[in-house]
N, C-alpha and C. Protein backbone atom coordinates (compact mmCIF):
# COMPACT_ATOMS: atom_id res chain seq x y z
N MET A 1 102.94 34.92 83.07
CA MET A 1 102.09 33.89 82.49
C MET A 1 102.67 33.47 81.15
N GLY A 2 102.93 32.20 80.96
CA GLY A 2 103.57 31.69 79.75
C GLY A 2 102.58 31.47 78.62
N PRO A 3 103.05 30.82 77.58
CA PRO A 3 102.19 30.53 76.44
C PRO A 3 101.08 29.56 76.83
N PRO A 4 99.99 29.56 76.09
CA PRO A 4 98.89 28.65 76.43
C PRO A 4 99.34 27.20 76.32
N THR A 5 98.78 26.39 77.19
CA THR A 5 99.10 24.96 77.14
C THR A 5 98.44 24.34 75.93
N ARG A 6 98.90 23.15 75.56
CA ARG A 6 98.32 22.45 74.42
C ARG A 6 96.81 22.25 74.58
N SER A 7 96.38 21.99 75.80
CA SER A 7 94.96 21.74 76.00
C SER A 7 94.11 22.99 75.80
N ALA A 8 94.75 24.17 75.84
CA ALA A 8 94.00 25.41 75.65
C ALA A 8 93.90 25.84 74.20
N ILE A 9 94.70 25.24 73.34
CA ILE A 9 94.71 25.64 71.93
C ILE A 9 93.63 24.86 71.19
N LYS A 10 92.76 25.57 70.50
CA LYS A 10 91.69 24.93 69.72
C LYS A 10 91.90 25.23 68.25
N THR A 11 91.43 24.33 67.40
CA THR A 11 91.50 24.56 65.96
C THR A 11 90.13 24.33 65.35
N PRO A 12 89.48 25.39 64.89
CA PRO A 12 88.14 25.24 64.31
C PRO A 12 88.15 24.42 63.03
N VAL A 13 89.29 24.31 62.37
CA VAL A 13 89.37 23.56 61.12
C VAL A 13 89.04 22.09 61.35
N LEU A 14 89.40 21.58 62.51
CA LEU A 14 89.16 20.17 62.79
C LEU A 14 88.06 19.98 63.81
N GLY A 15 87.06 20.80 63.75
CA GLY A 15 85.89 20.61 64.59
C GLY A 15 86.09 21.00 66.03
N GLY A 16 87.08 21.85 66.34
CA GLY A 16 87.28 22.32 67.69
C GLY A 16 88.02 21.34 68.58
N GLU A 17 88.53 20.26 68.01
CA GLU A 17 89.26 19.32 68.84
C GLU A 17 90.58 19.94 69.27
N LYS A 18 91.16 19.40 70.33
CA LYS A 18 92.41 19.95 70.83
C LYS A 18 93.51 19.79 69.79
N LEU A 19 94.29 20.84 69.63
CA LEU A 19 95.41 20.81 68.70
C LEU A 19 96.56 20.09 69.37
N LYS A 20 96.98 19.00 68.79
CA LYS A 20 98.08 18.21 69.33
C LYS A 20 98.98 17.87 68.15
N PHE A 21 99.98 18.68 67.93
CA PHE A 21 100.88 18.42 66.82
C PHE A 21 102.28 18.31 67.40
N GLU A 22 102.63 17.10 67.76
CA GLU A 22 103.91 16.82 68.39
C GLU A 22 104.85 16.17 67.39
N SER A 23 106.00 15.74 67.87
CA SER A 23 107.01 15.16 66.97
C SER A 23 106.48 13.93 66.23
N GLU A 24 105.65 13.13 66.88
CA GLU A 24 105.11 11.96 66.18
C GLU A 24 104.15 12.36 65.06
N ASP A 25 103.46 13.48 65.24
CA ASP A 25 102.58 13.98 64.18
C ASP A 25 103.39 14.51 62.99
N VAL A 26 104.50 15.17 63.29
CA VAL A 26 105.39 15.64 62.22
C VAL A 26 105.94 14.44 61.46
N ALA A 27 106.36 13.42 62.21
CA ALA A 27 106.89 12.21 61.58
C ALA A 27 105.83 11.54 60.70
N LEU A 28 104.60 11.43 61.20
CA LEU A 28 103.53 10.82 60.41
C LEU A 28 103.23 11.64 59.16
N THR A 29 103.25 12.95 59.28
CA THR A 29 103.03 13.82 58.12
C THR A 29 104.08 13.56 57.05
N VAL A 30 105.34 13.49 57.46
CA VAL A 30 106.44 13.27 56.51
C VAL A 30 106.34 11.88 55.89
N ILE A 31 106.01 10.89 56.68
CA ILE A 31 105.89 9.51 56.16
C ILE A 31 104.75 9.43 55.15
N ILE A 32 103.60 10.00 55.48
CA ILE A 32 102.46 9.98 54.56
C ILE A 32 102.81 10.72 53.27
N ALA A 33 103.46 11.88 53.39
CA ALA A 33 103.85 12.65 52.20
C ALA A 33 104.80 11.85 51.32
N ALA A 34 105.77 11.18 51.94
CA ALA A 34 106.74 10.40 51.17
C ALA A 34 106.08 9.20 50.48
N ILE A 35 105.22 8.50 51.20
CA ILE A 35 104.52 7.35 50.61
C ILE A 35 103.63 7.81 49.47
N TYR A 36 102.91 8.91 49.69
CA TYR A 36 102.02 9.43 48.65
C TYR A 36 102.80 9.80 47.39
N ALA A 37 103.84 10.62 47.56
CA ALA A 37 104.62 11.08 46.41
C ALA A 37 105.28 9.90 45.69
N ALA A 38 105.87 8.99 46.44
CA ALA A 38 106.53 7.83 45.82
C ALA A 38 105.51 6.95 45.10
N GLY A 39 104.35 6.75 45.70
CA GLY A 39 103.32 5.93 45.06
C GLY A 39 102.83 6.51 43.74
N VAL A 40 102.65 7.83 43.71
CA VAL A 40 102.20 8.48 42.48
C VAL A 40 103.28 8.40 41.41
N VAL A 41 104.51 8.71 41.76
CA VAL A 41 105.60 8.71 40.78
C VAL A 41 105.89 7.30 40.31
N PHE A 42 105.94 6.34 41.23
CA PHE A 42 106.21 4.95 40.86
C PHE A 42 105.13 4.39 39.93
N LEU A 43 103.89 4.79 40.16
CA LEU A 43 102.77 4.32 39.34
C LEU A 43 102.32 5.41 38.37
N ALA A 44 103.27 6.21 37.90
CA ALA A 44 102.96 7.35 37.02
C ALA A 44 102.08 7.00 35.82
N PRO A 45 102.26 5.86 35.16
CA PRO A 45 101.42 5.59 33.99
C PRO A 45 99.91 5.57 34.29
N ILE A 46 99.55 5.21 35.52
CA ILE A 46 98.12 5.20 35.86
C ILE A 46 97.73 6.34 36.80
N SER A 47 98.71 7.16 37.21
CA SER A 47 98.46 8.22 38.19
C SER A 47 98.16 9.58 37.57
N PHE A 48 98.42 9.75 36.29
CA PHE A 48 98.24 11.04 35.64
C PHE A 48 97.33 10.89 34.43
N GLY A 49 96.69 11.99 34.06
CA GLY A 49 95.84 11.99 32.88
C GLY A 49 94.38 12.09 33.22
N VAL A 50 93.56 12.07 32.18
CA VAL A 50 92.11 12.18 32.38
C VAL A 50 91.58 10.94 33.09
N PHE A 51 91.95 9.77 32.61
CA PHE A 51 91.54 8.53 33.26
C PHE A 51 92.70 8.05 34.10
N GLN A 52 92.59 8.29 35.40
CA GLN A 52 93.68 7.96 36.31
C GLN A 52 93.15 7.18 37.50
N VAL A 53 93.98 6.27 37.97
CA VAL A 53 93.72 5.58 39.23
C VAL A 53 94.93 5.91 40.11
N ARG A 54 94.77 6.89 40.95
CA ARG A 54 95.87 7.33 41.80
C ARG A 54 95.82 6.51 43.08
N MET A 55 96.55 5.39 43.05
CA MET A 55 96.52 4.43 44.16
C MET A 55 96.90 5.08 45.49
N ALA A 56 97.75 6.10 45.46
CA ALA A 56 98.16 6.79 46.68
C ALA A 56 96.97 7.46 47.37
N ASP A 57 95.90 7.73 46.63
CA ASP A 57 94.70 8.31 47.24
C ASP A 57 94.05 7.37 48.24
N ALA A 58 94.48 6.12 48.28
CA ALA A 58 93.98 5.19 49.29
C ALA A 58 94.37 5.64 50.70
N LEU A 59 95.32 6.56 50.79
CA LEU A 59 95.72 7.10 52.10
C LEU A 59 94.74 8.14 52.62
N LEU A 60 93.96 8.76 51.75
CA LEU A 60 93.07 9.85 52.18
C LEU A 60 92.09 9.45 53.29
N PRO A 61 91.45 8.28 53.22
CA PRO A 61 90.51 7.93 54.29
C PRO A 61 91.14 7.81 55.68
N LEU A 62 92.46 7.66 55.74
CA LEU A 62 93.12 7.57 57.04
C LEU A 62 93.02 8.87 57.83
N ALA A 63 92.60 9.94 57.17
CA ALA A 63 92.40 11.22 57.87
C ALA A 63 91.31 11.11 58.93
N THR A 64 90.34 10.22 58.74
CA THR A 64 89.29 10.07 59.75
C THR A 64 89.87 9.52 61.04
N LEU A 65 90.98 8.82 60.95
CA LEU A 65 91.62 8.23 62.12
C LEU A 65 92.75 9.10 62.65
N PHE A 66 93.63 9.56 61.78
CA PHE A 66 94.85 10.25 62.20
C PHE A 66 94.78 11.77 62.06
N GLY A 67 93.77 12.30 61.38
CA GLY A 67 93.55 13.73 61.32
C GLY A 67 94.54 14.54 60.51
N LEU A 68 94.98 15.65 61.10
CA LEU A 68 95.79 16.64 60.42
C LEU A 68 97.08 16.09 59.80
N PRO A 69 97.79 15.16 60.43
CA PRO A 69 98.99 14.63 59.76
C PRO A 69 98.70 14.00 58.40
N VAL A 70 97.56 13.35 58.25
CA VAL A 70 97.20 12.76 56.95
C VAL A 70 96.77 13.86 55.98
N ALA A 71 96.02 14.84 56.46
CA ALA A 71 95.61 15.95 55.59
C ALA A 71 96.83 16.68 55.05
N LEU A 72 97.76 17.00 55.92
CA LEU A 72 98.98 17.69 55.48
C LEU A 72 99.86 16.78 54.64
N GLY A 73 100.00 15.53 55.06
CA GLY A 73 100.86 14.59 54.34
C GLY A 73 100.40 14.31 52.92
N THR A 74 99.10 14.09 52.74
CA THR A 74 98.61 13.83 51.38
C THR A 74 98.64 15.11 50.55
N GLY A 75 98.46 16.25 51.20
CA GLY A 75 98.57 17.53 50.49
C GLY A 75 100.00 17.78 50.02
N PHE A 76 100.96 17.64 50.93
CA PHE A 76 102.37 17.82 50.56
C PHE A 76 102.82 16.77 49.54
N GLY A 77 102.41 15.54 49.76
CA GLY A 77 102.79 14.46 48.84
C GLY A 77 102.27 14.71 47.44
N CYS A 78 101.04 15.18 47.34
CA CYS A 78 100.46 15.50 46.03
C CYS A 78 101.18 16.69 45.40
N PHE A 79 101.51 17.68 46.21
CA PHE A 79 102.24 18.85 45.73
C PHE A 79 103.56 18.41 45.08
N ILE A 80 104.28 17.55 45.75
CA ILE A 80 105.57 17.05 45.23
C ILE A 80 105.36 16.19 43.99
N ALA A 81 104.43 15.24 44.07
CA ALA A 81 104.20 14.30 42.96
C ALA A 81 103.73 15.01 41.69
N ASN A 82 102.89 16.02 41.84
CA ASN A 82 102.35 16.70 40.66
C ASN A 82 103.39 17.55 39.93
N PHE A 83 104.50 17.88 40.58
CA PHE A 83 105.61 18.50 39.85
C PHE A 83 106.12 17.53 38.80
N TYR A 84 106.16 16.26 39.16
CA TYR A 84 106.62 15.21 38.25
C TYR A 84 105.66 15.06 37.07
N GLY A 85 104.38 15.30 37.29
CA GLY A 85 103.38 15.12 36.24
C GLY A 85 103.49 16.08 35.08
N GLY A 86 104.06 17.24 35.29
CA GLY A 86 104.32 18.17 34.21
C GLY A 86 103.17 19.04 33.74
N LEU A 87 102.07 19.10 34.49
CA LEU A 87 100.94 19.94 34.06
C LEU A 87 101.01 21.35 34.63
N GLY A 88 102.01 21.63 35.42
CA GLY A 88 102.20 22.99 35.90
C GLY A 88 101.60 23.29 37.25
N ILE A 89 101.65 24.56 37.58
CA ILE A 89 101.28 25.04 38.91
C ILE A 89 99.81 24.80 39.25
N VAL A 90 98.94 24.83 38.26
CA VAL A 90 97.52 24.59 38.54
C VAL A 90 97.33 23.18 39.09
N ASP A 91 97.99 22.21 38.49
CA ASP A 91 97.89 20.82 38.96
C ASP A 91 98.60 20.65 40.30
N VAL A 92 99.75 21.27 40.45
CA VAL A 92 100.52 21.15 41.69
C VAL A 92 99.72 21.69 42.88
N VAL A 93 99.21 22.90 42.74
CA VAL A 93 98.46 23.53 43.84
C VAL A 93 97.05 22.96 43.94
N GLY A 94 96.39 22.76 42.80
CA GLY A 94 95.01 22.26 42.81
C GLY A 94 94.88 20.88 43.41
N GLY A 95 95.78 19.98 43.06
CA GLY A 95 95.73 18.63 43.63
C GLY A 95 96.00 18.61 45.12
N ALA A 96 97.00 19.39 45.55
CA ALA A 96 97.31 19.47 46.97
C ALA A 96 96.14 20.05 47.76
N PHE A 97 95.53 21.09 47.20
CA PHE A 97 94.36 21.71 47.83
C PHE A 97 93.21 20.71 47.94
N ALA A 98 92.94 19.98 46.86
CA ALA A 98 91.85 19.00 46.87
C ALA A 98 92.07 17.95 47.94
N ASN A 99 93.28 17.42 48.03
CA ASN A 99 93.57 16.39 49.04
C ASN A 99 93.41 16.94 50.45
N PHE A 100 93.96 18.12 50.70
CA PHE A 100 93.88 18.70 52.04
C PHE A 100 92.43 18.94 52.45
N VAL A 101 91.65 19.58 51.60
CA VAL A 101 90.25 19.87 51.92
C VAL A 101 89.45 18.58 52.09
N ALA A 102 89.68 17.61 51.21
CA ALA A 102 88.97 16.33 51.31
C ALA A 102 89.25 15.65 52.65
N CYS A 103 90.51 15.67 53.07
CA CYS A 103 90.87 15.04 54.35
C CYS A 103 90.30 15.78 55.55
N VAL A 104 90.33 17.10 55.51
CA VAL A 104 89.79 17.88 56.63
C VAL A 104 88.29 17.63 56.76
N LEU A 105 87.58 17.63 55.65
CA LEU A 105 86.14 17.36 55.71
C LEU A 105 85.85 15.93 56.15
N ALA A 106 86.67 14.98 55.71
CA ALA A 106 86.49 13.59 56.14
C ALA A 106 86.69 13.48 57.65
N ARG A 107 87.69 14.16 58.17
CA ARG A 107 87.93 14.15 59.62
C ARG A 107 86.75 14.77 60.36
N PHE A 108 86.19 15.82 59.80
CA PHE A 108 85.05 16.49 60.42
C PHE A 108 83.84 15.55 60.47
N ILE A 109 83.62 14.78 59.40
CA ILE A 109 82.51 13.82 59.37
C ILE A 109 82.75 12.75 60.42
N GLY A 110 83.98 12.35 60.58
CA GLY A 110 84.34 11.43 61.64
C GLY A 110 84.32 9.98 61.22
N GLY A 111 84.79 9.16 62.14
CA GLY A 111 84.91 7.75 61.84
C GLY A 111 84.43 6.84 62.94
N LYS A 112 83.47 7.31 63.74
CA LYS A 112 83.01 6.48 64.85
C LYS A 112 82.26 5.23 64.39
N THR A 113 81.47 5.36 63.35
CA THR A 113 80.73 4.20 62.85
C THR A 113 81.17 3.91 61.42
N ILE A 114 80.86 2.72 60.97
CA ILE A 114 81.21 2.34 59.61
C ILE A 114 80.50 3.24 58.60
N LEU A 115 79.28 3.67 58.91
CA LEU A 115 78.56 4.57 58.00
C LEU A 115 79.23 5.94 57.92
N HIS A 116 79.71 6.45 59.05
CA HIS A 116 80.45 7.71 59.03
C HIS A 116 81.73 7.58 58.21
N ARG A 117 82.44 6.46 58.41
CA ARG A 117 83.69 6.26 57.67
C ARG A 117 83.42 6.15 56.18
N PHE A 118 82.36 5.45 55.79
CA PHE A 118 82.05 5.33 54.37
C PHE A 118 81.60 6.67 53.80
N ALA A 119 80.79 7.41 54.56
CA ALA A 119 80.36 8.74 54.11
C ALA A 119 81.55 9.66 53.92
N SER A 120 82.53 9.57 54.81
CA SER A 120 83.71 10.42 54.66
C SER A 120 84.47 10.08 53.38
N CYS A 121 84.50 8.80 53.01
CA CYS A 121 85.14 8.39 51.74
C CYS A 121 84.38 8.95 50.54
N LEU A 122 83.06 8.93 50.62
CA LEU A 122 82.25 9.49 49.53
C LEU A 122 82.52 10.99 49.36
N VAL A 123 82.64 11.69 50.47
CA VAL A 123 82.93 13.13 50.41
C VAL A 123 84.31 13.36 49.81
N GLU A 124 85.29 12.57 50.21
CA GLU A 124 86.63 12.71 49.63
C GLU A 124 86.61 12.48 48.13
N THR A 125 85.90 11.45 47.69
CA THR A 125 85.80 11.17 46.26
C THR A 125 85.13 12.34 45.53
N ALA A 126 84.08 12.89 46.11
CA ALA A 126 83.38 14.01 45.47
C ALA A 126 84.28 15.23 45.34
N ILE A 127 85.02 15.55 46.38
CA ILE A 127 85.88 16.74 46.34
C ILE A 127 87.01 16.56 45.33
N VAL A 128 87.69 15.42 45.39
CA VAL A 128 88.79 15.17 44.45
C VAL A 128 88.26 15.18 43.01
N THR A 129 87.12 14.55 42.79
CA THR A 129 86.53 14.51 41.45
C THR A 129 86.21 15.91 40.94
N LEU A 130 85.53 16.70 41.74
CA LEU A 130 85.13 18.04 41.30
C LEU A 130 86.32 18.97 41.08
N VAL A 131 87.25 18.98 42.01
CA VAL A 131 88.38 19.90 41.88
C VAL A 131 89.32 19.45 40.76
N VAL A 132 89.81 18.22 40.86
CA VAL A 132 90.80 17.74 39.88
C VAL A 132 90.16 17.57 38.50
N GLY A 133 88.97 16.99 38.46
CA GLY A 133 88.29 16.81 37.18
C GLY A 133 88.03 18.11 36.46
N SER A 134 87.73 19.17 37.21
CA SER A 134 87.47 20.47 36.59
C SER A 134 88.72 21.07 35.97
N TYR A 135 89.82 21.09 36.70
CA TYR A 135 90.99 21.73 36.11
C TYR A 135 91.68 20.85 35.08
N LEU A 136 91.57 19.52 35.19
CA LEU A 136 92.15 18.66 34.15
C LEU A 136 91.45 18.87 32.81
N SER A 137 90.16 19.11 32.86
CA SER A 137 89.42 19.38 31.63
C SER A 137 90.00 20.58 30.91
N ALA A 138 90.28 21.63 31.65
CA ALA A 138 90.84 22.84 31.04
C ALA A 138 92.29 22.64 30.61
N LEU A 139 93.09 22.00 31.45
CA LEU A 139 94.51 21.82 31.14
C LEU A 139 94.74 20.88 29.96
N LEU A 140 93.92 19.84 29.86
CA LEU A 140 94.11 18.83 28.82
C LEU A 140 93.18 19.02 27.62
N ASP A 141 92.34 20.05 27.68
CA ASP A 141 91.42 20.38 26.60
C ASP A 141 90.54 19.18 26.21
N VAL A 142 89.89 18.62 27.23
CA VAL A 142 88.95 17.51 27.01
C VAL A 142 87.60 17.94 27.59
N PRO A 143 86.52 17.32 27.14
CA PRO A 143 85.20 17.66 27.69
C PRO A 143 85.16 17.44 29.20
N ILE A 144 84.50 18.34 29.89
CA ILE A 144 84.41 18.27 31.35
C ILE A 144 83.82 16.94 31.81
N GLU A 145 82.86 16.42 31.06
CA GLU A 145 82.22 15.15 31.44
C GLU A 145 83.24 14.02 31.45
N ALA A 146 84.11 13.98 30.44
CA ALA A 146 85.13 12.93 30.36
C ALA A 146 86.12 13.05 31.51
N SER A 147 86.52 14.27 31.80
CA SER A 147 87.47 14.50 32.88
C SER A 147 86.88 14.13 34.24
N LEU A 148 85.66 14.57 34.49
CA LEU A 148 85.01 14.23 35.76
C LEU A 148 84.82 12.72 35.90
N LEU A 149 84.39 12.07 34.81
CA LEU A 149 84.18 10.63 34.85
C LEU A 149 85.49 9.89 35.10
N GLY A 150 86.55 10.30 34.42
CA GLY A 150 87.85 9.64 34.59
C GLY A 150 88.38 9.73 36.00
N VAL A 151 88.32 10.92 36.58
CA VAL A 151 88.80 11.11 37.95
C VAL A 151 87.88 10.39 38.93
N PHE A 152 86.57 10.46 38.69
CA PHE A 152 85.61 9.80 39.58
C PHE A 152 85.85 8.29 39.64
N LEU A 153 85.97 7.65 38.49
CA LEU A 153 86.15 6.19 38.48
C LEU A 153 87.44 5.79 39.20
N GLY A 154 88.51 6.53 38.95
CA GLY A 154 89.77 6.23 39.63
C GLY A 154 89.69 6.46 41.12
N SER A 155 88.97 7.51 41.52
CA SER A 155 88.82 7.80 42.95
C SER A 155 87.97 6.76 43.65
N VAL A 156 86.97 6.24 42.97
CA VAL A 156 86.15 5.18 43.56
C VAL A 156 87.04 3.97 43.88
N VAL A 157 87.90 3.61 42.93
CA VAL A 157 88.80 2.48 43.15
C VAL A 157 89.77 2.77 44.29
N ALA A 158 90.44 3.92 44.23
CA ALA A 158 91.49 4.23 45.20
C ALA A 158 90.94 4.58 46.59
N ILE A 159 89.96 5.46 46.65
CA ILE A 159 89.46 5.95 47.94
C ILE A 159 88.39 5.04 48.52
N ASN A 160 87.35 4.75 47.72
CA ASN A 160 86.19 4.03 48.26
C ASN A 160 86.40 2.53 48.39
N ILE A 161 87.25 1.96 47.56
CA ILE A 161 87.49 0.51 47.66
C ILE A 161 88.76 0.24 48.46
N LEU A 162 89.91 0.70 47.95
CA LEU A 162 91.17 0.42 48.64
C LEU A 162 91.31 1.18 49.95
N GLY A 163 91.07 2.48 49.92
CA GLY A 163 91.22 3.30 51.12
C GLY A 163 90.26 2.92 52.23
N PHE A 164 89.00 2.70 51.87
CA PHE A 164 88.01 2.30 52.87
C PHE A 164 88.37 0.94 53.45
N SER A 165 88.84 0.02 52.61
CA SER A 165 89.26 -1.30 53.09
C SER A 165 90.42 -1.19 54.07
N LEU A 166 91.39 -0.33 53.75
CA LEU A 166 92.52 -0.10 54.65
C LEU A 166 92.05 0.49 55.98
N LEU A 167 91.18 1.47 55.91
CA LEU A 167 90.65 2.09 57.12
C LEU A 167 89.91 1.08 57.99
N GLU A 168 89.08 0.26 57.37
CA GLU A 168 88.34 -0.76 58.12
C GLU A 168 89.27 -1.80 58.72
N ALA A 169 90.32 -2.17 57.99
CA ALA A 169 91.29 -3.13 58.53
C ALA A 169 91.95 -2.56 59.79
N LEU A 170 92.27 -1.28 59.77
CA LEU A 170 92.86 -0.65 60.95
C LEU A 170 91.88 -0.61 62.11
N HIS A 171 90.62 -0.36 61.82
CA HIS A 171 89.61 -0.36 62.89
C HIS A 171 89.43 -1.75 63.47
N ARG A 172 89.36 -2.74 62.62
CA ARG A 172 89.13 -4.11 63.09
C ARG A 172 90.34 -4.69 63.81
N SER A 173 91.53 -4.24 63.45
CA SER A 173 92.75 -4.77 64.08
C SER A 173 92.98 -4.19 65.47
N GLY A 174 92.27 -3.13 65.81
CA GLY A 174 92.45 -2.49 67.10
C GLY A 174 93.39 -1.30 67.06
N VAL A 175 94.03 -1.05 65.93
CA VAL A 175 94.92 0.10 65.80
C VAL A 175 94.15 1.39 66.07
N ALA A 176 92.96 1.49 65.53
CA ALA A 176 92.16 2.70 65.70
C ALA A 176 91.85 2.93 67.18
N LYS A 177 91.48 1.89 67.88
CA LYS A 177 91.14 2.02 69.29
C LYS A 177 92.36 2.45 70.10
N ARG A 178 93.51 1.86 69.81
CA ARG A 178 94.73 2.24 70.52
C ARG A 178 95.09 3.69 70.24
N PHE A 179 94.90 4.13 69.00
CA PHE A 179 95.23 5.52 68.66
C PHE A 179 94.28 6.48 69.37
N VAL A 180 93.00 6.17 69.40
CA VAL A 180 92.02 7.04 70.04
C VAL A 180 92.27 7.10 71.54
N GLU A 181 92.57 5.96 72.17
CA GLU A 181 92.85 5.94 73.60
C GLU A 181 94.09 6.76 73.93
N LYS A 182 95.10 6.69 73.04
CA LYS A 182 96.34 7.42 73.24
C LYS A 182 96.13 8.92 73.14
N GLY A 183 95.29 9.33 72.15
CA GLY A 183 95.06 10.77 71.91
C GLY A 183 94.23 11.34 72.99
């Protein structure tokens, strides 16, 4: 008897859905990571600090559609980009962790309806704000309120406005339906 088939492998992290991580998923993970890291570094003046608008965070809502490749890609991309930021290992690991957890929870909430998709964006914003805002306060020696507010405002722009708009455009264009039918 050989190894279990793909249909037999379950992952509780993603709500028990079938684990399907093939070459196209690896490619999507790498592409998302590269776009995320490049976006943060290219827009470094607005991507780092207490008051930041990390435009690359607009990719986070895509986790409701593409799942684990986006969670891993934004996590890896943030890990790479935060080395450039110069705040050290806490920022490198903390930011990657925040992105990964935010995407996994967004995927769990799901994207079947517009309300689910918007709720998943709100959860992503809350997680990124709480995790990143908390450690930035300590690293930059600023009041926690200022740090949380700065990250929150930037996340609203990147995740809830830009990211949600991108996600809805993909749903309306039929890309989402084609992806779901394929999976």
